[in-house]
Amino acid sequence: MDELTAVQRISVWILPVIFAITLHEVAHGLAAKWLGDNTAARLGRLSLNPMHHIDVIGTLVVPGVLLLLGGFMFGWAKPVPVDFDRLRNPKRDMALVAVAGPLANLLMAIVWALLLRIATGLEFDYLRKPLELMSVAGIVINAVLMVLNLLPLPPLDGGRIVTGLLPHHLAEPYSRIEPYGFYILLALMATGTLSTLLDGPLELVQGFVFSLAGQ
């Protein structure tokens, strides 16, 4: 995509990024509802309308700047509210709610792969090329969000999964990392450690998904 102008790049990436981030959050809310907490449903946060989930900074500004600078692409939406005390089995269900987000990203990446397979068979360039580029963007952003969120660092989904799996005497002190998690993530990015941690898993996930597209 290096040959694209800034406007073309934004046009290609905007829908995949918005849906990857917002549907990730909807998946958390749906899982919570199925497991006993209807907080997100009551507040209207299970809507597929991206406007209900967009965080101006996390969904638009940060991904946009990273896209223009050619940096590591990621972002976030408004977190879906979950009252863990309402879950039928709070400790176990917290992990299940957390894993729903990355699972949604994997499913979206597979959908984009199927669209990429369709796009490659289209005859006309004015239809084929935009759909190919958008499908590649959809695979990449969903793979990144899936792998990133599975890092075992609270408050990322991976951190909540680990907290849910640990025995109580270990889970409680582990969860106290959460207020510092974002700063730890920034430090990992600044030092290049984050890319080192994610490169292997990302290669595996993207390789699998692109194989479904016949790439």
C-alpha atoms as a PDB file:
ATOM      1  CA  MET A   1       0.000   0.000   0.000  1.00  0.00           C
ATOM      2  CA  ASP A   2       3.047   2.259  -0.066  1.00  0.00           C
ATOM      3  CA  GLU A   3       2.059   3.668  -3.439  1.00  0.00           C
ATOM      4  CA  LEU A   4      -1.243   5.014  -2.083  1.00  0.00           C
ATOM      5  CA  THR A   5      -1.743   8.662  -1.163  1.00  0.00           C
ATOM      6  CA  ALA A   6      -2.650   9.579   2.422  1.00  0.00           C
ATOM      7  CA  VAL A   7      -6.316  10.018   1.459  1.00  0.00           C
ATOM      8  CA  GLN A   8      -6.393   6.658  -0.327  1.00  0.00           C
ATOM      9  CA  ARG A   9      -4.783   4.904   2.650  1.00  0.00           C
ATOM     10  CA  ILE A  10      -7.327   6.362   5.049  1.00  0.00           C
ATOM     11  CA  SER A  11     -10.154   5.352   2.673  1.00  0.00           C
ATOM     12  CA  VAL A  12      -8.860   1.773   2.575  1.00  0.00           C
ATOM     13  CA  TRP A  13      -8.308   1.420   6.320  1.00  0.00           C
ATOM     14  CA  ILE A  14     -11.134   3.387   7.923  1.00  0.00           C
ATOM     15  CA  LEU A  15     -13.924   0.787   7.724  1.00  0.00           C
ATOM     16  CA  PRO A  16     -11.760  -2.226   8.676  1.00  0.00           C
ATOM     17  CA  VAL A  17     -10.332  -0.333  11.667  1.00  0.00           C
ATOM     18  CA  ILE A  18     -13.693   0.961  12.918  1.00  0.00           C
ATOM     19  CA  PHE A  19     -15.397  -2.417  12.651  1.00  0.00           C
ATOM     20  CA  ALA A  20     -12.443  -4.348  14.080  1.00  0.00           C
ATOM     21  CA  ILE A  21     -12.365  -2.134  17.166  1.00  0.00           C
ATOM     22  CA  THR A  22     -16.099  -1.717  17.738  1.00  0.00           C
ATOM     23  CA  LEU A  23     -17.156  -5.325  17.083  1.00  0.00           C
ATOM     24  CA  HIS A  24     -14.427  -6.415  19.481  1.00  0.00           C
ATOM     25  CA  GLU A  25     -16.250  -4.472  22.196  1.00  0.00           C
ATOM     26  CA  VAL A  26     -19.694  -5.717  21.132  1.00  0.00           C
ATOM     27  CA  ALA A  27     -18.407  -9.274  21.498  1.00  0.00           C
ATOM     28  CA  HIS A  28     -17.438  -8.568  25.111  1.00  0.00           C
ATOM     29  CA  GLY A  29     -20.929  -7.211  25.798  1.00  0.00           C
ATOM     30  CA  LEU A  30     -22.673 -10.155  24.154  1.00  0.00           C
ATOM     31  CA  ALA A  31     -20.579 -12.648  26.105  1.00  0.00           C
ATOM     32  CA  ALA A  32     -21.360 -10.812  29.335  1.00  0.00           C
ATOM     33  CA  LYS A  33     -25.087 -10.877  28.536  1.00  0.00           C
ATOM     34  CA  TRP A  34     -25.029 -14.608  27.836  1.00  0.00           C
ATOM     35  CA  LEU A  35     -23.199 -15.140  31.136  1.00  0.00           C
ATOM     36  CA  GLY A  36     -25.629 -13.139  33.253  1.00  0.00           C
ATOM     37  CA  ASP A  37     -24.716  -9.437  33.048  1.00  0.00           C
ATOM     38  CA  ASN A  38     -26.978  -7.301  30.867  1.00  0.00           C
ATOM     39  CA  THR A  39     -25.302  -3.967  31.682  1.00  0.00           C
ATOM     40  CA  ALA A  40     -24.044  -3.395  28.141  1.00  0.00           C
ATOM     41  CA  ALA A  41     -27.415  -4.370  26.648  1.00  0.00           C
ATOM     42  CA  ARG A  42     -29.266  -2.037  29.024  1.00  0.00           C
ATOM     43  CA  LEU A  43     -27.018   0.873  28.020  1.00  0.00           C
ATOM     44  CA  GLY A  44     -27.445   0.228  24.298  1.00  0.00           C
ATOM     45  CA  ARG A  45     -23.846  -0.901  23.793  1.00  0.00           C
ATOM     46  CA  LEU A  46     -24.694  -4.092  21.895  1.00  0.00           C
ATOM     47  CA  SER A  47     -25.585  -2.092  18.801  1.00  0.00           C
ATOM     48  CA  LEU A  48     -23.623  -2.732  15.610  1.00  0.00           C
ATOM     49  CA  ASN A  49     -23.748   1.030  14.954  1.00  0.00           C
ATOM     50  CA  PRO A  50     -20.094   2.147  15.277  1.00  0.00           C
ATOM     51  CA  MET A  51     -21.221   5.560  16.528  1.00  0.00           C
ATOM     52  CA  HIS A  52     -22.197   3.924  19.839  1.00  0.00           C
ATOM     53  CA  HIS A  53     -18.640   2.714  20.379  1.00  0.00           C
ATOM     54  CA  ILE A  54     -16.248   5.178  18.745  1.00  0.00           C
ATOM     55  CA  ASP A  55     -13.681   6.809  20.978  1.00  0.00           C
ATOM     56  CA  VAL A  56     -12.437   9.863  19.055  1.00  0.00           C
ATOM     57  CA  ILE A  57      -8.846   9.410  20.208  1.00  0.00           C
ATOM     58  CA  GLY A  58      -8.595   5.610  20.243  1.00  0.00           C
ATOM     59  CA  THR A  59     -10.729   4.789  17.203  1.00  0.00           C
ATOM     60  CA  LEU A  60      -9.904   7.688  14.890  1.00  0.00           C
ATOM     61  CA  VAL A  61      -6.944   9.859  15.911  1.00  0.00           C
ATOM     62  CA  VAL A  62      -4.428   7.227  17.079  1.00  0.00           C
ATOM     63  CA  PRO A  63      -4.989   4.759  14.186  1.00  0.00           C
ATOM     64  CA  GLY A  64      -5.016   7.675  11.720  1.00  0.00           C
ATOM     65  CA  VAL A  65      -1.712   9.084  12.933  1.00  0.00           C
ATOM     66  CA  LEU A  66      -0.105   5.623  13.054  1.00  0.00           C
ATOM     67  CA  LEU A  67      -1.338   4.925   9.540  1.00  0.00           C
ATOM     68  CA  LEU A  68       0.125   8.147   8.155  1.00  0.00           C
ATOM     69  CA  LEU A  69       3.418   7.614   9.999  1.00  0.00           C
ATOM     70  CA  GLY A  70       3.629   3.975   8.974  1.00  0.00           C
ATOM     71  CA  GLY A  71       3.822   2.794  12.573  1.00  0.00           C
ATOM     72  CA  PHE A  72       2.406  -0.178  14.466  1.00  0.00           C
ATOM     73  CA  MET A  73      -1.354  -0.065  13.831  1.00  0.00           C
ATOM     74  CA  PHE A  74      -3.686  -0.382  16.790  1.00  0.00           C
ATOM     75  CA  GLY A  75      -6.507   1.472  18.525  1.00  0.00           C
ATOM     76  CA  TRP A  76      -9.406   1.117  20.923  1.00  0.00           C
ATOM     77  CA  ALA A  77     -13.097   1.884  21.321  1.00  0.00           C
ATOM     78  CA  LYS A  78     -15.108   2.928  24.352  1.00  0.00           C
ATOM     79  CA  PRO A  79     -14.901  -0.110  26.644  1.00  0.00           C
ATOM     80  CA  VAL A  80     -18.176  -1.987  26.988  1.00  0.00           C
ATOM     81  CA  PRO A  81     -19.260  -1.845  30.647  1.00  0.00           C
ATOM     82  CA  VAL A  82     -19.278  -5.214  32.378  1.00  0.00           C
ATOM     83  CA  ASP A  83     -20.383  -5.739  35.985  1.00  0.00           C
ATOM     84  CA  PHE A  84     -18.408  -8.839  36.892  1.00  0.00           C
ATOM     85  CA  ASP A  85     -20.408  -9.305  40.101  1.00  0.00           C
ATOM     86  CA  ARG A  86     -23.509  -9.988  37.979  1.00  0.00           C
ATOM     87  CA  LEU A  87     -21.866 -12.849  36.102  1.00  0.00           C
ATOM     88  CA  ARG A  88     -23.004 -16.304  37.166  1.00  0.00           C
ATOM     89  CA  ASN A  89     -19.456 -17.409  37.932  1.00  0.00           C
ATOM     90  CA  PRO A  90     -17.513 -14.109  38.134  1.00  0.00           C
ATOM     91  CA  LYS A  91     -13.969 -15.472  38.119  1.00  0.00           C
ATOM     92  CA  ARG A  92     -14.453 -17.994  35.326  1.00  0.00           C
ATOM     93  CA  ASP A  93     -16.828 -15.822  33.318  1.00  0.00           C
ATOM     94  CA  MET A  94     -14.471 -12.841  33.431  1.00  0.00           C
ATOM     95  CA  ALA A  95     -12.028 -14.909  31.373  1.00  0.00           C
ATOM     96  CA  LEU A  96     -14.779 -15.972  28.959  1.00  0.00           C
ATOM     97  CA  VAL A  97     -15.924 -12.364  28.473  1.00  0.00           C
ATOM     98  CA  ALA A  98     -12.310 -11.342  27.853  1.00  0.00           C
ATOM     99  CA  VAL A  99     -11.616 -14.027  25.248  1.00  0.00           C
ATOM    100  CA  ALA A 100     -14.743 -13.046  23.274  1.00  0.00           C
ATOM    101  CA  GLY A 101     -13.060  -9.895  21.938  1.00  0.00           C
ATOM    102  CA  PRO A 102      -9.993 -11.545  20.370  1.00  0.00           C
ATOM    103  CA  LEU A 103     -12.211 -14.367  19.085  1.00  0.00           C
ATOM    104  CA  ALA A 104     -14.393 -11.777  17.329  1.00  0.00           C
ATOM    105  CA  ASN A 105     -11.265 -10.330  15.695  1.00  0.00           C
ATOM    106  CA  LEU A 106     -10.256 -13.774  14.454  1.00  0.00           C
ATOM    107  CA  LEU A 107     -13.705 -14.329  12.953  1.00  0.00           C
ATOM    108  CA  MET A 108     -13.620 -10.894  11.298  1.00  0.00           C
ATOM    109  CA  ALA A 109     -10.167 -11.624   9.858  1.00  0.00           C
ATOM    110  CA  ILE A 110     -11.571 -14.830   8.346  1.00  0.00           C
ATOM    111  CA  VAL A 111     -14.503 -12.910   6.828  1.00  0.00           C
ATOM    112  CA  TRP A 112     -12.054 -10.430   5.269  1.00  0.00           C
ATOM    113  CA  ALA A 113     -10.061 -13.385   3.928  1.00  0.00           C
ATOM    114  CA  LEU A 114     -13.158 -14.720   2.203  1.00  0.00           C
ATOM    115  CA  LEU A 115     -13.795 -11.263   0.715  1.00  0.00           C
ATOM    116  CA  LEU A 116     -10.186 -11.173  -0.485  1.00  0.00           C
ATOM    117  CA  ARG A 117     -10.682 -14.530  -2.199  1.00  0.00           C
ATOM    118  CA  ILE A 118     -13.797 -13.133  -3.915  1.00  0.00           C
ATOM    119  CA  ALA A 119     -11.986  -9.908  -4.856  1.00  0.00           C
ATOM    120  CA  THR A 120      -9.156 -11.720  -6.626  1.00  0.00           C
ATOM    121  CA  GLY A 121     -11.704 -13.279  -8.958  1.00  0.00           C
ATOM    122  CA  LEU A 122     -13.327 -10.012 -10.004  1.00  0.00           C
ATOM    123  CA  GLU A 123     -12.740  -8.928 -13.575  1.00  0.00           C
ATOM    124  CA  PHE A 124     -12.774  -5.144 -13.285  1.00  0.00           C
ATOM    125  CA  ASP A 125      -9.854  -3.369 -11.594  1.00  0.00           C
ATOM    126  CA  TYR A 126     -12.024  -0.559 -10.245  1.00  0.00           C
ATOM    127  CA  LEU A 127     -13.889  -3.164  -8.160  1.00  0.00           C
ATOM    128  CA  ARG A 128     -11.115  -5.678  -7.553  1.00  0.00           C
ATOM    129  CA  LYS A 129      -8.334  -3.372  -6.375  1.00  0.00           C
ATOM    130  CA  PRO A 130     -10.249  -1.443  -3.664  1.00  0.00           C
ATOM    131  CA  LEU A 131     -11.800  -4.632  -2.269  1.00  0.00           C
ATOM    132  CA  GLU A 132      -8.417  -6.385  -2.262  1.00  0.00           C
ATOM    133  CA  LEU A 133      -6.754  -3.512  -0.396  1.00  0.00           C
ATOM    134  CA  MET A 134      -9.587  -3.187   2.107  1.00  0.00           C
ATOM    135  CA  SER A 135      -9.633  -6.943   2.707  1.00  0.00           C
ATOM    136  CA  VAL A 136      -5.882  -6.999   3.353  1.00  0.00           C
ATOM    137  CA  ALA A 137      -6.305  -4.091   5.775  1.00  0.00           C
ATOM    138  CA  GLY A 138      -9.125  -5.967   7.514  1.00  0.00           C
ATOM    139  CA  ILE A 139      -6.993  -9.076   7.939  1.00  0.00           C
ATOM    140  CA  VAL A 140      -4.015  -7.109   9.245  1.00  0.00           C
ATOM    141  CA  ILE A 141      -5.864  -4.926  11.782  1.00  0.00           C
ATOM    142  CA  ASN A 142      -7.906  -7.827  13.148  1.00  0.00           C
ATOM    143  CA  ALA A 143      -4.837 -10.043  13.478  1.00  0.00           C
ATOM    144  CA  VAL A 144      -2.971  -7.255  15.283  1.00  0.00           C
ATOM    145  CA  LEU A 145      -5.858  -6.553  17.672  1.00  0.00           C
ATOM    146  CA  MET A 146      -6.306 -10.246  18.396  1.00  0.00           C
ATOM    147  CA  VAL A 147      -2.647 -10.901  19.175  1.00  0.00           C
ATOM    148  CA  LEU A 148      -2.125  -7.608  21.010  1.00  0.00           C
ATOM    149  CA  ASN A 149      -5.145  -8.103  23.240  1.00  0.00           C
ATOM    150  CA  LEU A 150      -4.033 -11.611  24.150  1.00  0.00           C
ATOM    151  CA  LEU A 151      -0.863 -10.306  25.793  1.00  0.00           C
ATOM    152  CA  PRO A 152      -1.072 -11.345  29.472  1.00  0.00           C
ATOM    153  CA  LEU A 153      -1.048  -7.756  30.684  1.00  0.00           C
ATOM    154  CA  PRO A 154      -3.988  -6.261  32.582  1.00  0.00           C
ATOM    155  CA  PRO A 155      -6.152  -4.484  31.477  1.00  0.00           C
ATOM    156  CA  LEU A 156      -5.740  -6.201  28.081  1.00  0.00           C
ATOM    157  CA  ASP A 157      -7.963  -9.214  27.486  1.00  0.00           C
ATOM    158  CA  GLY A 158      -5.034 -11.571  27.966  1.00  0.00           C
ATOM    159  CA  GLY A 159      -4.472 -10.124  31.427  1.00  0.00           C
ATOM    160  CA  ARG A 160      -8.109 -10.713  32.368  1.00  0.00           C
ATOM    161  CA  ILE A 161      -7.930 -14.254  31.009  1.00  0.00           C
ATOM    162  CA  VAL A 162      -4.868 -14.975  33.141  1.00  0.00           C
ATOM    163  CA  THR A 163      -6.565 -13.411  36.180  1.00  0.00           C
ATOM    164  CA  GLY A 164      -9.578 -15.641  35.638  1.00  0.00           C
ATOM    165  CA  LEU A 165      -7.427 -18.759  35.373  1.00  0.00           C
ATOM    166  CA  LEU A 166      -5.116 -18.112  38.325  1.00  0.00           C
ATOM    167  CA  PRO A 167      -6.036 -19.285  41.827  1.00  0.00           C
ATOM    168  CA  HIS A 168      -7.463 -16.482  43.950  1.00  0.00           C
ATOM    169  CA  HIS A 169      -4.319 -15.925  46.031  1.00  0.00           C
ATOM    170  CA  LEU A 170      -2.361 -15.226  42.837  1.00  0.00           C
ATOM    171  CA  ALA A 171      -5.129 -13.575  40.793  1.00  0.00           C
ATOM    172  CA  GLU A 172      -5.671 -10.729  43.255  1.00  0.00           C
ATOM    173  CA  PRO A 173      -2.066  -9.436  43.319  1.00  0.00           C
ATOM    174  CA  TYR A 174      -1.754 -10.010  39.558  1.00  0.00           C
ATOM    175  CA  SER A 175      -4.818  -7.851  38.882  1.00  0.00           C
ATOM    176  CA  ARG A 176      -3.179  -4.947  40.741  1.00  0.00           C
ATOM    177  CA  ILE A 177      -0.960  -4.417  37.683  1.00  0.00           C
ATOM    178  CA  GLU A 178      -3.998  -3.046  35.816  1.00  0.00           C
ATOM    179  CA  PRO A 179      -3.587   0.689  36.655  1.00  0.00           C
ATOM    180  CA  TYR A 180      -0.062   0.535  35.218  1.00  0.00           C
ATOM    181  CA  GLY A 181      -0.814  -1.686  32.221  1.00  0.00           C
ATOM    182  CA  PHE A 182      -1.204   1.104  29.670  1.00  0.00           C
ATOM    183  CA  TYR A 183       2.106   2.674  30.686  1.00  0.00           C
ATOM    184  CA  ILE A 184       3.832  -0.703  30.493  1.00  0.00           C
ATOM    185  CA  LEU A 185       2.392  -1.135  26.989  1.00  0.00           C
ATOM    186  CA  LEU A 186       3.706   2.295  25.942  1.00  0.00           C
ATOM    187  CA  ALA A 187       7.141   1.409  27.320  1.00  0.00           C
ATOM    188  CA  LEU A 188       7.120  -1.870  25.362  1.00  0.00           C
ATOM    189  CA  MET A 189       6.248   0.060  22.202  1.00  0.00           C
ATOM    190  CA  ALA A 190       8.893   2.745  22.774  1.00  0.00           C
ATOM    191  CA  THR A 191      11.654   0.172  23.265  1.00  0.00           C
ATOM    192  CA  GLY A 192      10.613  -2.018  20.327  1.00  0.00           C
ATOM    193  CA  THR A 193       9.952  -4.922  22.697  1.00  0.00           C
ATOM    194  CA  LEU A 194       6.289  -5.039  21.729  1.00  0.00           C
ATOM    195  CA  SER A 195       7.097  -5.773  18.090  1.00  0.00           C
ATOM    196  CA  THR A 196       9.504  -8.518  19.183  1.00  0.00           C
ATOM    197  CA  LEU A 197       6.807 -10.116  21.332  1.00  0.00           C
ATOM    198  CA  LEU A 198       4.117  -9.915  18.661  1.00  0.00           C
ATOM    199  CA  ASP A 199       6.044 -10.731  15.468  1.00  0.00           C
ATOM    200  CA  GLY A 200       5.956 -14.529  15.849  1.00  0.00           C
ATOM    201  CA  PRO A 201       2.276 -14.893  16.838  1.00  0.00           C
ATOM    202  CA  LEU A 202       1.267 -12.313  14.203  1.00  0.00           C
ATOM    203  CA  GLU A 203       3.098 -14.220  11.497  1.00  0.00           C
ATOM    204  CA  LEU A 204       1.278 -17.412  12.464  1.00  0.00           C
ATOM    205  CA  VAL A 205      -2.179 -15.810  12.593  1.00  0.00           C
ATOM    206  CA  GLN A 206      -1.763 -13.817   9.394  1.00  0.00           C
ATOM    207  CA  GLY A 207      -0.252 -16.790   7.601  1.00  0.00           C
ATOM    208  CA  PHE A 208      -3.256 -18.921   8.537  1.00  0.00           C
ATOM    209  CA  VAL A 209      -5.816 -16.278   7.545  1.00  0.00           C
ATOM    210  CA  PHE A 210      -4.137 -15.351   4.259  1.00  0.00           C
ATOM    211  CA  SER A 211      -3.976 -19.056   3.392  1.00  0.00           C
ATOM    212  CA  LEU A 212      -7.786 -19.098   3.585  1.00  0.00           C
ATOM    213  CA  ALA A 213      -7.782 -16.364   0.944  1.00  0.00           C
ATOM    214  CA  GLY A 214      -5.553 -18.450  -1.295  1.00  0.00           C
ATOM    215  CA  GLN A 215      -2.595 -16.101  -0.815  1.00  0.00           C
END
